[in-house]
């Protein structure tokens, strides 16, 4: 299910992220009980960025996900559609080349990146299939795609507990820590409506990617999907 199914326009979602930009990373750490940092390390390991490579980090927000990629020696382009997020990120990390861009119409030429990664952002685009096609377009043939996204816990009893946490505890925590707690109600709903691991892999394959694989993290709360641009 895409963001459009949750009655949020692209402008609404951009404004929502603008409003939470200042404390976004802190709230994420609290809500995930510190797991965000671990997931980010695994993303960096999976993308395996090397010196001299050009990497597009979509939905980069304030750039926290881009820093370790740059540390590996790659040229990383943090890209996001929230100007509020980009402003906060540029203030914190002025050496990164933050770029405003919509995942549905990326401001880059064809076949320019060695790798594209998007963490917890594909769920927030209005047309997932169009976004995946755009990622394929800007990747070089043989380029790597890595998607890190909330998914479906594989153990059913735990899945029920997790869903209850999303709809109750997450908004409660956000109300006490975020400047825009309603944004986290939307985020909880979007996570619950997201395709499972196999369904997302099929959508990625349909966009022209091969060698599809995924790895469940934290029991399937999050999944890393990988593919290669055909």
C-alpha atoms as a PDB file:
ATOM      1  CA  UNK A   1       0.000   0.000   0.000  1.00  0.00           C
ATOM      2  CA  UNK A   2       1.366   3.421  -0.873  1.00  0.00           C
ATOM      3  CA  UNK A   3       1.165   6.683   0.987  1.00  0.00           C
ATOM      4  CA  UNK A   4      -1.705   7.772  -1.266  1.00  0.00           C
ATOM      5  CA  UNK A   5      -3.844   5.079   0.306  1.00  0.00           C
ATOM      6  CA  UNK A   6      -3.415   6.802   3.663  1.00  0.00           C
ATOM      7  CA  UNK A   7      -4.968  10.081   2.430  1.00  0.00           C
ATOM      8  CA  UNK A   8      -1.781  12.109   2.634  1.00  0.00           C
ATOM      9  CA  UNK A   9      -0.731  14.305  -0.300  1.00  0.00           C
ATOM     10  CA  UNK A  10       3.009  14.682  -1.108  1.00  0.00           C
ATOM     11  CA  UNK A  11       2.823  18.239   0.230  1.00  0.00           C
ATOM     12  CA  UNK A  12       1.239  17.044   3.470  1.00  0.00           C
ATOM     13  CA  UNK A  13       3.961  14.477   4.028  1.00  0.00           C
ATOM     14  CA  UNK A  14       6.764  16.938   3.214  1.00  0.00           C
ATOM     15  CA  UNK A  15       5.288  19.418   5.712  1.00  0.00           C
ATOM     16  CA  UNK A  16       4.979  16.650   8.277  1.00  0.00           C
ATOM     17  CA  UNK A  17       8.687  15.815   8.021  1.00  0.00           C
ATOM     18  CA  UNK A  18       9.612  19.511   8.018  1.00  0.00           C
ATOM     19  CA  UNK A  19       7.822  19.842  11.357  1.00  0.00           C
ATOM     20  CA  UNK A  20       9.670  16.975  13.056  1.00  0.00           C
ATOM     21  CA  UNK A  21      13.120  17.560  11.517  1.00  0.00           C
ATOM     22  CA  UNK A  22      14.841  19.075  14.555  1.00  0.00           C
ATOM     23  CA  UNK A  23      14.234  16.082  16.858  1.00  0.00           C
ATOM     24  CA  UNK A  24      13.642  13.374  14.252  1.00  0.00           C
ATOM     25  CA  UNK A  25      16.825  11.373  14.917  1.00  0.00           C
ATOM     26  CA  UNK A  26      16.350  11.529  18.696  1.00  0.00           C
ATOM     27  CA  UNK A  27      12.726  10.359  18.558  1.00  0.00           C
ATOM     28  CA  UNK A  28      13.667   7.520  16.204  1.00  0.00           C
ATOM     29  CA  UNK A  29      16.284   6.308  18.669  1.00  0.00           C
ATOM     30  CA  UNK A  30      13.739   6.362  21.503  1.00  0.00           C
ATOM     31  CA  UNK A  31      10.971   4.633  19.558  1.00  0.00           C
ATOM     32  CA  UNK A  32      13.274   1.904  18.245  1.00  0.00           C
ATOM     33  CA  UNK A  33      14.908   1.424  21.672  1.00  0.00           C
ATOM     34  CA  UNK A  34      18.272   2.216  20.105  1.00  0.00           C
ATOM     35  CA  UNK A  35      17.923  -0.282  17.256  1.00  0.00           C
ATOM     36  CA  UNK A  36      18.073   2.470  14.593  1.00  0.00           C
ATOM     37  CA  UNK A  37      21.835   2.735  15.026  1.00  0.00           C
ATOM     38  CA  UNK A  38      22.307  -1.001  14.604  1.00  0.00           C
ATOM     39  CA  UNK A  39      20.102  -1.080  11.510  1.00  0.00           C
ATOM     40  CA  UNK A  40      22.076   1.815  10.036  1.00  0.00           C
ATOM     41  CA  UNK A  41      25.371  -0.047  10.544  1.00  0.00           C
ATOM     42  CA  UNK A  42      23.939  -3.088   8.756  1.00  0.00           C
ATOM     43  CA  UNK A  43      22.781  -0.904   5.857  1.00  0.00           C
ATOM     44  CA  UNK A  44      26.298   0.477   5.436  1.00  0.00           C
ATOM     45  CA  UNK A  45      27.756  -3.023   5.526  1.00  0.00           C
ATOM     46  CA  UNK A  46      25.250  -4.310   2.959  1.00  0.00           C
ATOM     47  CA  UNK A  47      25.693  -1.437   0.512  1.00  0.00           C
ATOM     48  CA  UNK A  48      29.475  -2.020   0.705  1.00  0.00           C
ATOM     49  CA  UNK A  49      30.351   1.437  -0.611  1.00  0.00           C
ATOM     50  CA  UNK A  50      33.925   1.742  -1.836  1.00  0.00           C
ATOM     51  CA  UNK A  51      36.267   4.634  -2.410  1.00  0.00           C
ATOM     52  CA  UNK A  52      35.548   6.379  -5.688  1.00  0.00           C
ATOM     53  CA  UNK A  53      31.982   5.108  -5.985  1.00  0.00           C
ATOM     54  CA  UNK A  54      29.020   7.444  -6.319  1.00  0.00           C
ATOM     55  CA  UNK A  55      26.146   6.580  -3.974  1.00  0.00           C
ATOM     56  CA  UNK A  56      22.672   8.114  -3.869  1.00  0.00           C
ATOM     57  CA  UNK A  57      21.150   8.115  -0.380  1.00  0.00           C
ATOM     58  CA  UNK A  58      17.431   8.719  -0.867  1.00  0.00           C
ATOM     59  CA  UNK A  59      15.153   9.899   1.946  1.00  0.00           C
ATOM     60  CA  UNK A  60      18.396  10.857   3.674  1.00  0.00           C
ATOM     61  CA  UNK A  61      16.682  13.267   6.058  1.00  0.00           C
ATOM     62  CA  UNK A  62      19.284  15.010   8.192  1.00  0.00           C
ATOM     63  CA  UNK A  63      22.111  12.925   6.718  1.00  0.00           C
ATOM     64  CA  UNK A  64      22.690  10.479   9.572  1.00  0.00           C
ATOM     65  CA  UNK A  65      22.521   7.597   7.094  1.00  0.00           C
ATOM     66  CA  UNK A  66      24.963   9.295   4.697  1.00  0.00           C
ATOM     67  CA  UNK A  67      27.807   9.916   7.133  1.00  0.00           C
ATOM     68  CA  UNK A  68      29.154   6.333   7.308  1.00  0.00           C
ATOM     69  CA  UNK A  69      28.927   5.998   3.522  1.00  0.00           C
ATOM     70  CA  UNK A  70      31.059   9.113   3.134  1.00  0.00           C
ATOM     71  CA  UNK A  71      33.455   7.756   5.766  1.00  0.00           C
ATOM     72  CA  UNK A  72      34.034   4.727   3.520  1.00  0.00           C
ATOM     73  CA  UNK A  73      35.433   7.071   0.869  1.00  0.00           C
ATOM     74  CA  UNK A  74      32.454   7.068  -1.476  1.00  0.00           C
ATOM     75  CA  UNK A  75      30.906  10.221  -2.910  1.00  0.00           C
ATOM     76  CA  UNK A  76      27.473  10.208  -1.289  1.00  0.00           C
ATOM     77  CA  UNK A  77      24.585  12.447  -2.318  1.00  0.00           C
ATOM     78  CA  UNK A  78      21.992  12.796   0.484  1.00  0.00           C
ATOM     79  CA  UNK A  79      18.653  13.504  -1.207  1.00  0.00           C
ATOM     80  CA  UNK A  80      15.290  14.271   0.379  1.00  0.00           C
ATOM     81  CA  UNK A  81      12.036  16.046  -0.486  1.00  0.00           C
ATOM     82  CA  UNK A  82      11.723  17.692   2.928  1.00  0.00           C
ATOM     83  CA  UNK A  83      13.452  21.062   2.894  1.00  0.00           C
ATOM     84  CA  UNK A  84      13.172  21.174   6.673  1.00  0.00           C
ATOM     85  CA  UNK A  85      15.166  17.950   6.985  1.00  0.00           C
ATOM     86  CA  UNK A  86      17.784  19.196   4.504  1.00  0.00           C
ATOM     87  CA  UNK A  87      18.241  22.482   6.368  1.00  0.00           C
ATOM     88  CA  UNK A  88      18.807  20.686   9.667  1.00  0.00           C
ATOM     89  CA  UNK A  89      21.162  18.229   7.975  1.00  0.00           C
ATOM     90  CA  UNK A  90      23.214  20.936   6.241  1.00  0.00           C
ATOM     91  CA  UNK A  91      23.614  22.790   9.523  1.00  0.00           C
ATOM     92  CA  UNK A  92      24.870  19.638  11.257  1.00  0.00           C
ATOM     93  CA  UNK A  93      26.966  18.272   8.388  1.00  0.00           C
ATOM     94  CA  UNK A  94      27.976  21.116   6.062  1.00  0.00           C
ATOM     95  CA  UNK A  95      30.489  18.951   4.201  1.00  0.00           C
ATOM     96  CA  UNK A  96      27.747  16.731   2.725  1.00  0.00           C
ATOM     97  CA  UNK A  97      26.181  17.643  -0.628  1.00  0.00           C
ATOM     98  CA  UNK A  98      22.513  17.703   0.376  1.00  0.00           C
ATOM     99  CA  UNK A  99      20.163  17.791  -2.616  1.00  0.00           C
ATOM    100  CA  UNK A 100      16.431  18.451  -2.732  1.00  0.00           C
ATOM    101  CA  UNK A 101      14.639  15.871  -4.845  1.00  0.00           C
ATOM    102  CA  UNK A 102      11.461  13.872  -5.297  1.00  0.00           C
ATOM    103  CA  UNK A 103      11.884  10.097  -5.545  1.00  0.00           C
ATOM    104  CA  UNK A 104       9.249  10.085  -8.311  1.00  0.00           C
ATOM    105  CA  UNK A 105      11.290  12.439 -10.494  1.00  0.00           C
ATOM    106  CA  UNK A 106      14.919  12.348  -9.451  1.00  0.00           C
ATOM    107  CA  UNK A 107      17.042  15.350 -10.482  1.00  0.00           C
ATOM    108  CA  UNK A 108      19.852  13.179 -11.881  1.00  0.00           C
ATOM    109  CA  UNK A 109      20.872  11.869 -15.284  1.00  0.00           C
ATOM    110  CA  UNK A 110      20.545   8.234 -16.339  1.00  0.00           C
ATOM    111  CA  UNK A 111      23.068   5.649 -15.150  1.00  0.00           C
ATOM    112  CA  UNK A 112      25.226   7.856 -12.915  1.00  0.00           C
ATOM    113  CA  UNK A 113      25.280   6.000  -9.575  1.00  0.00           C
ATOM    114  CA  UNK A 114      27.079   2.829  -8.527  1.00  0.00           C
ATOM    115  CA  UNK A 115      24.595   2.274  -5.708  1.00  0.00           C
ATOM    116  CA  UNK A 116      21.277   3.653  -4.487  1.00  0.00           C
ATOM    117  CA  UNK A 117      20.043   3.200  -0.936  1.00  0.00           C
ATOM    118  CA  UNK A 118      16.844   4.295   0.769  1.00  0.00           C
ATOM    119  CA  UNK A 119      16.156   3.689   4.448  1.00  0.00           C
ATOM    120  CA  UNK A 120      12.652   4.039   5.893  1.00  0.00           C
ATOM    121  CA  UNK A 121      11.606   6.248   2.980  1.00  0.00           C
ATOM    122  CA  UNK A 122      10.102   4.064   0.260  1.00  0.00           C
ATOM    123  CA  UNK A 123       7.036   3.667   2.456  1.00  0.00           C
ATOM    124  CA  UNK A 124       6.476   7.424   2.230  1.00  0.00           C
ATOM    125  CA  UNK A 125       6.300   7.884  -1.541  1.00  0.00           C
ATOM    126  CA  UNK A 126       2.998   8.237  -3.357  1.00  0.00           C
ATOM    127  CA  UNK A 127       3.871   5.687  -6.068  1.00  0.00           C
ATOM    128  CA  UNK A 128       6.308   2.983  -4.997  1.00  0.00           C
ATOM    129  CA  UNK A 129       6.616   1.412  -8.459  1.00  0.00           C
ATOM    130  CA  UNK A 130       7.459   4.740 -10.096  1.00  0.00           C
ATOM    131  CA  UNK A 131      10.062   5.418  -7.414  1.00  0.00           C
ATOM    132  CA  UNK A 132      11.660   2.003  -7.995  1.00  0.00           C
ATOM    133  CA  UNK A 133      11.786   2.671 -11.727  1.00  0.00           C
ATOM    134  CA  UNK A 134      13.486   6.012 -11.058  1.00  0.00           C
ATOM    135  CA  UNK A 135      16.086   4.258  -8.902  1.00  0.00           C
ATOM    136  CA  UNK A 136      16.740   1.812 -11.720  1.00  0.00           C
ATOM    137  CA  UNK A 137      17.069   4.698 -14.185  1.00  0.00           C
ATOM    138  CA  UNK A 138      19.813   6.518 -12.269  1.00  0.00           C
ATOM    139  CA  UNK A 139      21.788   3.346 -11.496  1.00  0.00           C
ATOM    140  CA  UNK A 140      24.546   2.123 -13.765  1.00  0.00           C
ATOM    141  CA  UNK A 141      24.012  -1.356 -15.250  1.00  0.00           C
ATOM    142  CA  UNK A 142      25.057  -3.746 -12.523  1.00  0.00           C
ATOM    143  CA  UNK A 143      24.540  -1.035  -9.902  1.00  0.00           C
ATOM    144  CA  UNK A 144      23.364  -2.041  -6.450  1.00  0.00           C
ATOM    145  CA  UNK A 145      20.056  -1.215  -4.777  1.00  0.00           C
ATOM    146  CA  UNK A 146      19.544  -1.491  -1.034  1.00  0.00           C
ATOM    147  CA  UNK A 147      16.210  -0.806   0.630  1.00  0.00           C
ATOM    148  CA  UNK A 148      15.890  -0.786   4.409  1.00  0.00           C
ATOM    149  CA  UNK A 149      12.277  -0.607   5.501  1.00  0.00           C
ATOM    150  CA  UNK A 150       9.936  -1.619   8.259  1.00  0.00           C
ATOM    151  CA  UNK A 151       8.376  -4.981   7.468  1.00  0.00           C
ATOM    152  CA  UNK A 152       6.388  -7.847   8.997  1.00  0.00           C
ATOM    153  CA  UNK A 153       7.700  -9.857  11.973  1.00  0.00           C
ATOM    154  CA  UNK A 154       7.923 -13.497  10.980  1.00  0.00           C
ATOM    155  CA  UNK A 155       6.770 -14.937  14.331  1.00  0.00           C
ATOM    156  CA  UNK A 156       3.003 -14.501  14.466  1.00  0.00           C
ATOM    157  CA  UNK A 157       2.572 -13.991  18.255  1.00  0.00           C
ATOM    158  CA  UNK A 158       5.310 -11.369  18.182  1.00  0.00           C
ATOM    159  CA  UNK A 159       3.704  -9.748  15.113  1.00  0.00           C
ATOM    160  CA  UNK A 160       0.494  -9.203  17.090  1.00  0.00           C
ATOM    161  CA  UNK A 161       2.401  -7.645  19.999  1.00  0.00           C
ATOM    162  CA  UNK A 162       4.371  -5.453  17.604  1.00  0.00           C
ATOM    163  CA  UNK A 163       1.225  -4.178  15.887  1.00  0.00           C
ATOM    164  CA  UNK A 164      -0.228  -3.265  19.271  1.00  0.00           C
ATOM    165  CA  UNK A 165       2.982  -1.387  20.104  1.00  0.00           C
ATOM    166  CA  UNK A 166       2.846   0.541  16.831  1.00  0.00           C
ATOM    167  CA  UNK A 167      -0.688   1.761  17.304  1.00  0.00           C
ATOM    168  CA  UNK A 168      -0.487   2.518  21.032  1.00  0.00           C
ATOM    169  CA  UNK A 169       3.023   2.944  22.420  1.00  0.00           C
ATOM    170  CA  UNK A 170       4.598   4.698  19.430  1.00  0.00           C
ATOM    171  CA  UNK A 171       2.129   7.636  19.395  1.00  0.00           C
ATOM    172  CA  UNK A 172       2.344   7.824  23.223  1.00  0.00           C
ATOM    173  CA  UNK A 173       6.146   8.188  23.105  1.00  0.00           C
ATOM    174  CA  UNK A 174       5.970  10.648  20.226  1.00  0.00           C
ATOM    175  CA  UNK A 175       3.471  12.822  22.100  1.00  0.00           C
ATOM    176  CA  UNK A 176       6.021  13.300  24.866  1.00  0.00           C
ATOM    177  CA  UNK A 177       9.117  13.779  22.706  1.00  0.00           C
ATOM    178  CA  UNK A 178       8.127  15.121  19.276  1.00  0.00           C
ATOM    179  CA  UNK A 179       6.992  18.561  18.136  1.00  0.00           C
ATOM    180  CA  UNK A 180       4.414  16.875  15.872  1.00  0.00           C
ATOM    181  CA  UNK A 181       3.100  13.660  17.481  1.00  0.00           C
ATOM    182  CA  UNK A 182       0.336  13.265  14.876  1.00  0.00           C
ATOM    183  CA  UNK A 183       3.074  12.529  12.349  1.00  0.00           C
ATOM    184  CA  UNK A 184       3.902   9.347  14.224  1.00  0.00           C
ATOM    185  CA  UNK A 185       0.298   8.163  14.105  1.00  0.00           C
ATOM    186  CA  UNK A 186       0.576   8.362  10.316  1.00  0.00           C
ATOM    187  CA  UNK A 187       3.931   6.561  10.410  1.00  0.00           C
ATOM    188  CA  UNK A 188       2.494   3.753  12.524  1.00  0.00           C
ATOM    189  CA  UNK A 189      -0.409   3.327  10.101  1.00  0.00           C
ATOM    190  CA  UNK A 190       1.908   3.323   7.091  1.00  0.00           C
ATOM    191  CA  UNK A 191       4.095   0.615   8.654  1.00  0.00           C
ATOM    192  CA  UNK A 192       1.085  -1.581   9.367  1.00  0.00           C
ATOM    193  CA  UNK A 193      -0.144  -1.197   5.769  1.00  0.00           C
ATOM    194  CA  UNK A 194       3.227  -1.971   4.146  1.00  0.00           C
ATOM    195  CA  UNK A 195       3.708  -5.113   1.947  1.00  0.00           C
ATOM    196  CA  UNK A 196       5.464  -8.086   3.472  1.00  0.00           C
ATOM    197  CA  UNK A 197       8.974  -9.152   2.491  1.00  0.00           C
ATOM    198  CA  UNK A 198       8.057 -11.387  -0.464  1.00  0.00           C
ATOM    199  CA  UNK A 199       5.557  -8.905  -1.888  1.00  0.00           C
ATOM    200  CA  UNK A 200       8.084  -6.068  -1.800  1.00  0.00           C
ATOM    201  CA  UNK A 201      10.715  -8.275  -3.473  1.00  0.00           C
ATOM    202  CA  UNK A 202       8.277  -8.902  -6.334  1.00  0.00           C
ATOM    203  CA  UNK A 203       7.711  -5.174  -6.808  1.00  0.00           C
ATOM    204  CA  UNK A 204      11.476  -4.564  -6.892  1.00  0.00           C
ATOM    205  CA  UNK A 205      11.950  -7.320  -9.467  1.00  0.00           C
ATOM    206  CA  UNK A 206       9.174  -5.857 -11.633  1.00  0.00           C
ATOM    207  CA  UNK A 207      11.129  -2.566 -11.728  1.00  0.00           C
ATOM    208  CA  UNK A 208      14.016  -4.275 -13.506  1.00  0.00           C
ATOM    209  CA  UNK A 209      16.204  -5.580 -10.709  1.00  0.00           C
ATOM    210  CA  UNK A 210      17.756  -9.056 -10.507  1.00  0.00           C
ATOM    211  CA  UNK A 211      19.486 -11.141  -7.816  1.00  0.00           C
ATOM    212  CA  UNK A 212      16.764 -10.227  -5.322  1.00  0.00           C
ATOM    213  CA  UNK A 213      17.361 -11.137  -1.702  1.00  0.00           C
ATOM    214  CA  UNK A 214      16.274  -9.907   1.688  1.00  0.00           C
ATOM    215  CA  UNK A 215      17.452 -10.227   5.263  1.00  0.00           C
ATOM    216  CA  UNK A 216      15.170  -9.887   8.271  1.00  0.00           C
ATOM    217  CA  UNK A 217      16.398  -7.718  11.128  1.00  0.00           C
ATOM    218  CA  UNK A 218      15.017  -7.789  14.659  1.00  0.00           C
ATOM    219  CA  UNK A 219      12.727 -10.703  13.827  1.00  0.00           C
ATOM    220  CA  UNK A 220      11.345  -9.038  10.706  1.00  0.00           C
ATOM    221  CA  UNK A 221      10.485  -5.660  12.223  1.00  0.00           C
ATOM    222  CA  UNK A 222      12.843  -4.370   9.552  1.00  0.00           C
ATOM    223  CA  UNK A 223      14.016  -6.006   6.325  1.00  0.00           C
ATOM    224  CA  UNK A 224      16.970  -5.249   4.075  1.00  0.00           C
ATOM    225  CA  UNK A 225      16.112  -5.853   0.406  1.00  0.00           C
ATOM    226  CA  UNK A 226      18.898  -6.033  -2.147  1.00  0.00           C
ATOM    227  CA  UNK A 227      18.893  -6.082  -5.922  1.00  0.00           C
ATOM    228  CA  UNK A 228      21.101  -5.443  -8.941  1.00  0.00           C
ATOM    229  CA  UNK A 229      20.134  -3.210 -11.841  1.00  0.00           C
ATOM    230  CA  UNK A 230      19.801  -5.491 -14.873  1.00  0.00           C
END
